Amino acid sequence: MYEPTRRALVAADEDEERPVVGQPAAGTAFAQLRPGMTYAEAVRIAGKPNAETVRNTGKAWVPTYKGTDRWRHYLAYKGQGVLVFAGAEGGEIAEISRTRAYTPDVLIQVVHNPKDTGKL
């Protein structure tokens, strides 16, 4: 799930498909995050990210697919890591990118990385 350009930040022995990658630094907000949280819950705990982006997945290009995970929303936090959310059912990536008036559905991956730059 983790973006290819950021994979070098994850130790080689970590499985990138796991919902939680790495160990959280003690006492950080990231230590309180759990996959399955809503976007609002996670941001309330973690605070404002240093960077964020929305990218579509391959499912967005299947004309008959109307399910979830058509896009991913990434939030990067300097010195903590990245949160990855799966998009809710329906919606179009162009509309999402243009308006930012949507709420990602669910936190699907927490990547703990104390060396994270906070950039995407």
N, C-alpha and C. Protein backbone atom coordinates (compact mmCIF):
# COMPACT_ATOMS: atom_id res chain seq x y z
N MET A 1 0.81 -1.19 0.00
CA MET A 1 0.00 0.00 0.00
C MET A 1 0.85 1.26 0.00
N TYR A 2 1.97 1.21 0.61
CA TYR A 2 2.83 2.37 0.75
C TYR A 2 3.31 2.84 -0.61
N GLU A 3 3.37 4.13 -0.81
CA GLU A 3 3.77 4.70 -2.10
C GLU A 3 5.18 4.26 -2.49
N PRO A 4 5.41 3.90 -3.75
CA PRO A 4 6.72 3.43 -4.20
C PRO A 4 7.85 4.41 -3.94
N THR A 5 7.60 5.70 -4.03
CA THR A 5 8.67 6.68 -3.82
C THR A 5 9.07 6.79 -2.37
N ARG A 6 8.25 6.27 -1.46
CA ARG A 6 8.54 6.36 -0.04
C ARG A 6 9.01 5.04 0.55
N ARG A 7 9.07 3.99 -0.25
CA ARG A 7 9.40 2.66 0.27
C ARG A 7 10.78 2.60 0.90
N ALA A 8 11.71 3.42 0.45
CA ALA A 8 13.06 3.40 1.01
C ALA A 8 13.04 3.81 2.48
N LEU A 9 11.99 4.47 2.92
CA LEU A 9 11.90 4.91 4.31
C LEU A 9 11.48 3.79 5.25
N VAL A 10 11.00 2.68 4.69
CA VAL A 10 10.55 1.55 5.49
C VAL A 10 11.63 0.48 5.48
N ALA A 11 11.92 -0.07 6.64
CA ALA A 11 12.94 -1.12 6.72
C ALA A 11 12.59 -2.27 5.80
N ALA A 12 13.61 -2.88 5.23
CA ALA A 12 13.42 -3.95 4.24
C ALA A 12 12.64 -5.13 4.80
N ASP A 13 12.73 -5.39 6.10
CA ASP A 13 12.04 -6.53 6.67
C ASP A 13 10.56 -6.25 6.97
N GLU A 14 10.10 -5.03 6.76
CA GLU A 14 8.70 -4.71 7.01
C GLU A 14 7.84 -5.12 5.83
N ASP A 15 6.68 -5.65 6.12
CA ASP A 15 5.73 -6.02 5.08
C ASP A 15 4.86 -4.81 4.79
N GLU A 16 4.92 -4.30 3.58
CA GLU A 16 4.22 -3.06 3.25
C GLU A 16 2.72 -3.24 3.11
N GLU A 17 2.23 -4.46 3.14
CA GLU A 17 0.80 -4.69 3.05
C GLU A 17 0.14 -4.73 4.42
N ARG A 18 0.91 -4.70 5.47
CA ARG A 18 0.32 -4.74 6.81
C ARG A 18 -0.38 -3.42 7.13
N PRO A 19 -1.43 -3.46 7.95
CA PRO A 19 -2.13 -2.23 8.31
C PRO A 19 -1.30 -1.31 9.21
N VAL A 20 -0.34 -1.86 9.94
CA VAL A 20 0.55 -1.05 10.77
C VAL A 20 1.97 -1.46 10.45
N VAL A 21 2.77 -0.49 10.02
CA VAL A 21 4.16 -0.75 9.66
C VAL A 21 5.05 0.02 10.62
N GLY A 22 6.03 -0.65 11.20
CA GLY A 22 6.96 0.00 12.11
C GLY A 22 6.41 0.12 13.52
N GLN A 23 7.22 0.67 14.40
CA GLN A 23 6.85 0.85 15.80
C GLN A 23 6.68 2.34 16.09
N PRO A 24 5.60 2.72 16.76
CA PRO A 24 5.41 4.14 17.07
C PRO A 24 6.38 4.60 18.15
N ALA A 25 6.81 5.85 18.04
CA ALA A 25 7.64 6.44 19.10
C ALA A 25 6.74 6.64 20.32
N ALA A 26 7.26 6.29 21.48
CA ALA A 26 6.48 6.40 22.71
C ALA A 26 6.03 7.84 22.93
N GLY A 27 4.77 7.99 23.33
CA GLY A 27 4.24 9.30 23.66
C GLY A 27 3.80 10.15 22.48
N THR A 28 3.86 9.61 21.27
CA THR A 28 3.42 10.38 20.11
C THR A 28 1.95 10.13 19.82
N ALA A 29 1.36 11.02 19.06
CA ALA A 29 -0.04 10.85 18.67
C ALA A 29 -0.23 9.60 17.82
N PHE A 30 0.78 9.27 17.02
CA PHE A 30 0.68 8.10 16.15
C PHE A 30 0.50 6.81 16.95
N ALA A 31 0.96 6.77 18.17
CA ALA A 31 0.82 5.58 19.00
C ALA A 31 -0.64 5.30 19.34
N GLN A 32 -1.50 6.30 19.22
CA GLN A 32 -2.92 6.15 19.54
C GLN A 32 -3.78 5.77 18.33
N LEU A 33 -3.20 5.80 17.14
CA LEU A 33 -3.97 5.55 15.92
C LEU A 33 -4.12 4.06 15.64
N ARG A 34 -5.29 3.69 15.12
CA ARG A 34 -5.59 2.31 14.78
C ARG A 34 -6.29 2.25 13.43
N PRO A 35 -5.93 1.28 12.58
CA PRO A 35 -6.67 1.09 11.33
C PRO A 35 -8.15 0.90 11.63
N GLY A 36 -8.99 1.45 10.76
CA GLY A 36 -10.43 1.39 10.95
C GLY A 36 -11.02 2.69 11.45
N MET A 37 -10.18 3.60 11.92
CA MET A 37 -10.66 4.91 12.37
C MET A 37 -11.13 5.73 11.17
N THR A 38 -12.05 6.64 11.42
CA THR A 38 -12.47 7.54 10.36
C THR A 38 -11.42 8.63 10.19
N TYR A 39 -11.52 9.34 9.09
CA TYR A 39 -10.61 10.46 8.81
C TYR A 39 -10.68 11.48 9.95
N ALA A 40 -11.89 11.85 10.35
CA ALA A 40 -12.06 12.86 11.40
C ALA A 40 -11.43 12.41 12.72
N GLU A 41 -11.63 11.16 13.09
CA GLU A 41 -11.03 10.64 14.34
C GLU A 41 -9.51 10.69 14.29
N ALA A 42 -8.95 10.24 13.17
CA ALA A 42 -7.49 10.19 13.06
C ALA A 42 -6.87 11.58 13.07
N VAL A 43 -7.47 12.53 12.36
CA VAL A 43 -6.92 13.88 12.31
C VAL A 43 -7.10 14.58 13.66
N ARG A 44 -8.16 14.27 14.36
CA ARG A 44 -8.35 14.84 15.69
C ARG A 44 -7.22 14.41 16.63
N ILE A 45 -6.76 13.18 16.48
CA ILE A 45 -5.67 12.66 17.31
C ILE A 45 -4.30 13.14 16.81
N ALA A 46 -4.06 13.01 15.51
CA ALA A 46 -2.73 13.29 14.96
C ALA A 46 -2.48 14.77 14.67
N GLY A 47 -3.54 15.54 14.48
CA GLY A 47 -3.38 16.96 14.18
C GLY A 47 -3.22 17.19 12.69
N LYS A 48 -2.88 18.43 12.36
CA LYS A 48 -2.74 18.83 10.95
C LYS A 48 -1.47 18.21 10.36
N PRO A 49 -1.59 17.60 9.17
CA PRO A 49 -0.40 16.99 8.55
C PRO A 49 0.52 18.04 7.94
N ASN A 50 1.77 17.66 7.72
CA ASN A 50 2.72 18.54 7.03
C ASN A 50 2.47 18.54 5.53
N ALA A 51 1.94 17.44 5.00
CA ALA A 51 1.62 17.35 3.58
C ALA A 51 0.51 16.33 3.39
N GLU A 52 -0.26 16.51 2.32
CA GLU A 52 -1.30 15.54 1.99
C GLU A 52 -1.52 15.51 0.49
N THR A 53 -1.96 14.36 0.02
CA THR A 53 -2.27 14.20 -1.40
C THR A 53 -3.33 13.12 -1.56
N VAL A 54 -4.02 13.17 -2.68
CA VAL A 54 -5.02 12.17 -3.03
C VAL A 54 -4.60 11.57 -4.37
N ARG A 55 -4.62 10.24 -4.44
CA ARG A 55 -4.27 9.56 -5.69
C ARG A 55 -5.28 8.45 -5.95
N ASN A 56 -5.61 8.26 -7.22
CA ASN A 56 -6.55 7.20 -7.53
C ASN A 56 -5.83 5.86 -7.60
N THR A 57 -6.58 4.80 -7.40
CA THR A 57 -6.05 3.45 -7.53
C THR A 57 -6.48 2.91 -8.89
N GLY A 58 -6.03 1.73 -9.24
CA GLY A 58 -6.42 1.11 -10.51
C GLY A 58 -7.92 0.87 -10.61
N LYS A 59 -8.58 0.73 -9.46
CA LYS A 59 -10.02 0.49 -9.46
C LYS A 59 -10.79 1.68 -10.02
N ALA A 60 -10.20 2.87 -9.95
CA ALA A 60 -10.87 4.07 -10.46
C ALA A 60 -11.05 4.02 -11.97
N TRP A 61 -10.25 3.21 -12.65
CA TRP A 61 -10.29 3.13 -14.11
C TRP A 61 -11.22 2.04 -14.62
N VAL A 62 -11.84 1.30 -13.73
CA VAL A 62 -12.78 0.25 -14.13
C VAL A 62 -14.17 0.89 -14.19
N PRO A 63 -14.72 1.09 -15.38
CA PRO A 63 -15.98 1.83 -15.52
C PRO A 63 -17.15 1.25 -14.75
N THR A 64 -17.18 -0.05 -14.56
CA THR A 64 -18.31 -0.67 -13.88
C THR A 64 -18.11 -0.80 -12.37
N TYR A 65 -16.92 -0.44 -11.87
CA TYR A 65 -16.64 -0.59 -10.44
C TYR A 65 -17.14 0.63 -9.68
N LYS A 66 -18.01 0.42 -8.72
CA LYS A 66 -18.55 1.51 -7.92
C LYS A 66 -18.28 1.32 -6.43
N GLY A 67 -17.38 0.41 -6.09
CA GLY A 67 -17.11 0.11 -4.69
C GLY A 67 -16.11 1.06 -4.05
N THR A 68 -15.58 0.65 -2.92
CA THR A 68 -14.64 1.46 -2.18
C THR A 68 -13.23 1.32 -2.74
N ASP A 69 -12.31 2.09 -2.22
CA ASP A 69 -10.89 2.06 -2.57
C ASP A 69 -10.62 2.47 -4.02
N ARG A 70 -11.37 3.43 -4.50
CA ARG A 70 -11.11 3.97 -5.84
C ARG A 70 -10.01 5.02 -5.77
N TRP A 71 -9.74 5.52 -4.59
CA TRP A 71 -8.64 6.46 -4.40
C TRP A 71 -8.06 6.27 -3.01
N ARG A 72 -6.87 6.82 -2.82
CA ARG A 72 -6.20 6.79 -1.51
C ARG A 72 -5.84 8.22 -1.13
N HIS A 73 -5.96 8.51 0.13
CA HIS A 73 -5.64 9.83 0.68
C HIS A 73 -4.47 9.62 1.64
N TYR A 74 -3.36 10.33 1.39
CA TYR A 74 -2.14 10.19 2.19
C TYR A 74 -1.91 11.45 3.02
N LEU A 75 -1.64 11.29 4.30
CA LEU A 75 -1.27 12.39 5.18
C LEU A 75 0.12 12.11 5.72
N ALA A 76 1.05 13.04 5.53
CA ALA A 76 2.44 12.86 6.00
C ALA A 76 2.71 13.77 7.19
N TYR A 77 3.34 13.21 8.20
CA TYR A 77 3.68 13.94 9.42
C TYR A 77 5.18 13.84 9.66
N LYS A 78 5.84 14.97 9.70
CA LYS A 78 7.29 15.00 9.90
C LYS A 78 7.64 14.36 11.24
N GLY A 79 8.60 13.44 11.18
CA GLY A 79 9.07 12.78 12.38
C GLY A 79 8.16 11.71 12.95
N GLN A 80 7.02 11.45 12.27
CA GLN A 80 6.09 10.43 12.77
C GLN A 80 5.75 9.37 11.73
N GLY A 81 5.43 9.78 10.50
CA GLY A 81 5.10 8.81 9.47
C GLY A 81 3.97 9.26 8.58
N VAL A 82 3.25 8.27 8.04
CA VAL A 82 2.20 8.53 7.05
C VAL A 82 0.93 7.77 7.42
N LEU A 83 -0.21 8.41 7.20
CA LEU A 83 -1.51 7.77 7.35
C LEU A 83 -2.09 7.58 5.96
N VAL A 84 -2.66 6.40 5.70
CA VAL A 84 -3.24 6.10 4.40
C VAL A 84 -4.72 5.76 4.60
N PHE A 85 -5.58 6.49 3.89
CA PHE A 85 -7.02 6.29 3.95
C PHE A 85 -7.53 5.76 2.62
N ALA A 86 -8.51 4.87 2.67
CA ALA A 86 -9.17 4.39 1.45
C ALA A 86 -10.38 5.26 1.22
N GLY A 87 -10.60 5.61 -0.04
CA GLY A 87 -11.74 6.45 -0.38
C GLY A 87 -13.06 5.74 -0.18
N ALA A 88 -14.08 6.50 0.08
CA ALA A 88 -15.42 5.97 0.27
C ALA A 88 -16.01 5.51 -1.05
N GLU A 89 -17.11 4.81 -0.99
CA GLU A 89 -17.77 4.31 -2.19
C GLU A 89 -18.25 5.47 -3.05
N GLY A 90 -18.10 5.33 -4.36
CA GLY A 90 -18.53 6.37 -5.29
C GLY A 90 -17.53 7.51 -5.35
N GLY A 91 -17.91 8.59 -6.01
CA GLY A 91 -17.03 9.75 -6.11
C GLY A 91 -16.03 9.60 -7.24
N GLU A 92 -15.61 10.68 -7.77
CA GLU A 92 -14.65 10.68 -8.87
C GLU A 92 -13.39 11.41 -8.44
N ILE A 93 -12.24 10.90 -8.83
CA ILE A 93 -10.96 11.48 -8.41
C ILE A 93 -10.83 12.93 -8.89
N ALA A 94 -11.33 13.26 -10.08
CA ALA A 94 -11.24 14.63 -10.57
C ALA A 94 -12.04 15.57 -9.68
N GLU A 95 -13.22 15.13 -9.29
CA GLU A 95 -14.06 15.94 -8.41
C GLU A 95 -13.42 16.10 -7.04
N ILE A 96 -12.85 15.05 -6.54
CA ILE A 96 -12.19 15.08 -5.24
C ILE A 96 -11.01 16.04 -5.26
N SER A 97 -10.18 15.93 -6.27
CA SER A 97 -9.00 16.79 -6.37
C SER A 97 -9.37 18.25 -6.53
N ARG A 98 -10.44 18.51 -7.27
CA ARG A 98 -10.82 19.89 -7.55
C ARG A 98 -11.45 20.56 -6.33
N THR A 99 -12.29 19.85 -5.61
CA THR A 99 -13.06 20.49 -4.56
C THR A 99 -12.52 20.25 -3.16
N ARG A 100 -11.86 19.14 -2.95
CA ARG A 100 -11.43 18.73 -1.60
C ARG A 100 -12.61 18.62 -0.64
N ALA A 101 -13.82 18.61 -1.19
CA ALA A 101 -15.02 18.55 -0.36
C ALA A 101 -15.50 17.11 -0.25
N TYR A 102 -14.71 16.28 0.34
CA TYR A 102 -15.08 14.89 0.55
C TYR A 102 -14.43 14.42 1.84
N THR A 103 -14.87 13.31 2.33
CA THR A 103 -14.27 12.74 3.53
C THR A 103 -13.82 11.33 3.21
N PRO A 104 -12.50 11.06 3.27
CA PRO A 104 -12.05 9.69 3.07
C PRO A 104 -12.73 8.78 4.08
N ASP A 105 -12.94 7.58 3.68
CA ASP A 105 -13.72 6.65 4.47
C ASP A 105 -13.01 6.15 5.72
N VAL A 106 -11.91 5.46 5.55
CA VAL A 106 -11.35 4.75 6.69
C VAL A 106 -9.82 4.70 6.63
N LEU A 107 -9.21 4.73 7.79
CA LEU A 107 -7.76 4.59 7.90
C LEU A 107 -7.40 3.13 7.66
N ILE A 108 -6.61 2.89 6.60
CA ILE A 108 -6.28 1.51 6.26
C ILE A 108 -4.84 1.15 6.58
N GLN A 109 -3.98 2.17 6.75
CA GLN A 109 -2.58 1.86 7.06
C GLN A 109 -1.95 3.01 7.84
N VAL A 110 -1.19 2.65 8.87
CA VAL A 110 -0.40 3.60 9.64
C VAL A 110 1.06 3.20 9.48
N VAL A 111 1.86 4.09 8.92
CA VAL A 111 3.28 3.82 8.72
C VAL A 111 4.07 4.67 9.70
N HIS A 112 4.63 4.03 10.70
CA HIS A 112 5.43 4.73 11.70
C HIS A 112 6.84 4.87 11.17
N ASN A 113 7.33 6.10 11.13
CA ASN A 113 8.68 6.34 10.65
C ASN A 113 9.22 7.64 11.26
N PRO A 114 10.06 7.51 12.31
CA PRO A 114 10.59 8.72 12.96
C PRO A 114 11.49 9.56 12.05
N LYS A 115 11.92 9.00 10.91
CA LYS A 115 12.77 9.73 9.97
C LYS A 115 11.96 10.38 8.85
N ASP A 116 10.64 10.30 8.91
CA ASP A 116 9.83 10.83 7.84
C ASP A 116 10.03 12.34 7.71
N THR A 117 10.10 12.81 6.47
CA THR A 117 10.35 14.22 6.20
C THR A 117 9.07 15.06 6.24
N GLY A 118 7.92 14.42 6.23
CA GLY A 118 6.67 15.16 6.21
C GLY A 118 6.31 15.67 4.83
N LYS A 119 6.98 15.14 3.80
CA LYS A 119 6.71 15.54 2.42
C LYS A 119 6.21 14.33 1.64
N LEU A 120 5.41 14.60 0.62
CA LEU A 120 4.92 13.53 -0.24
C LEU A 120 5.41 13.72 -1.65
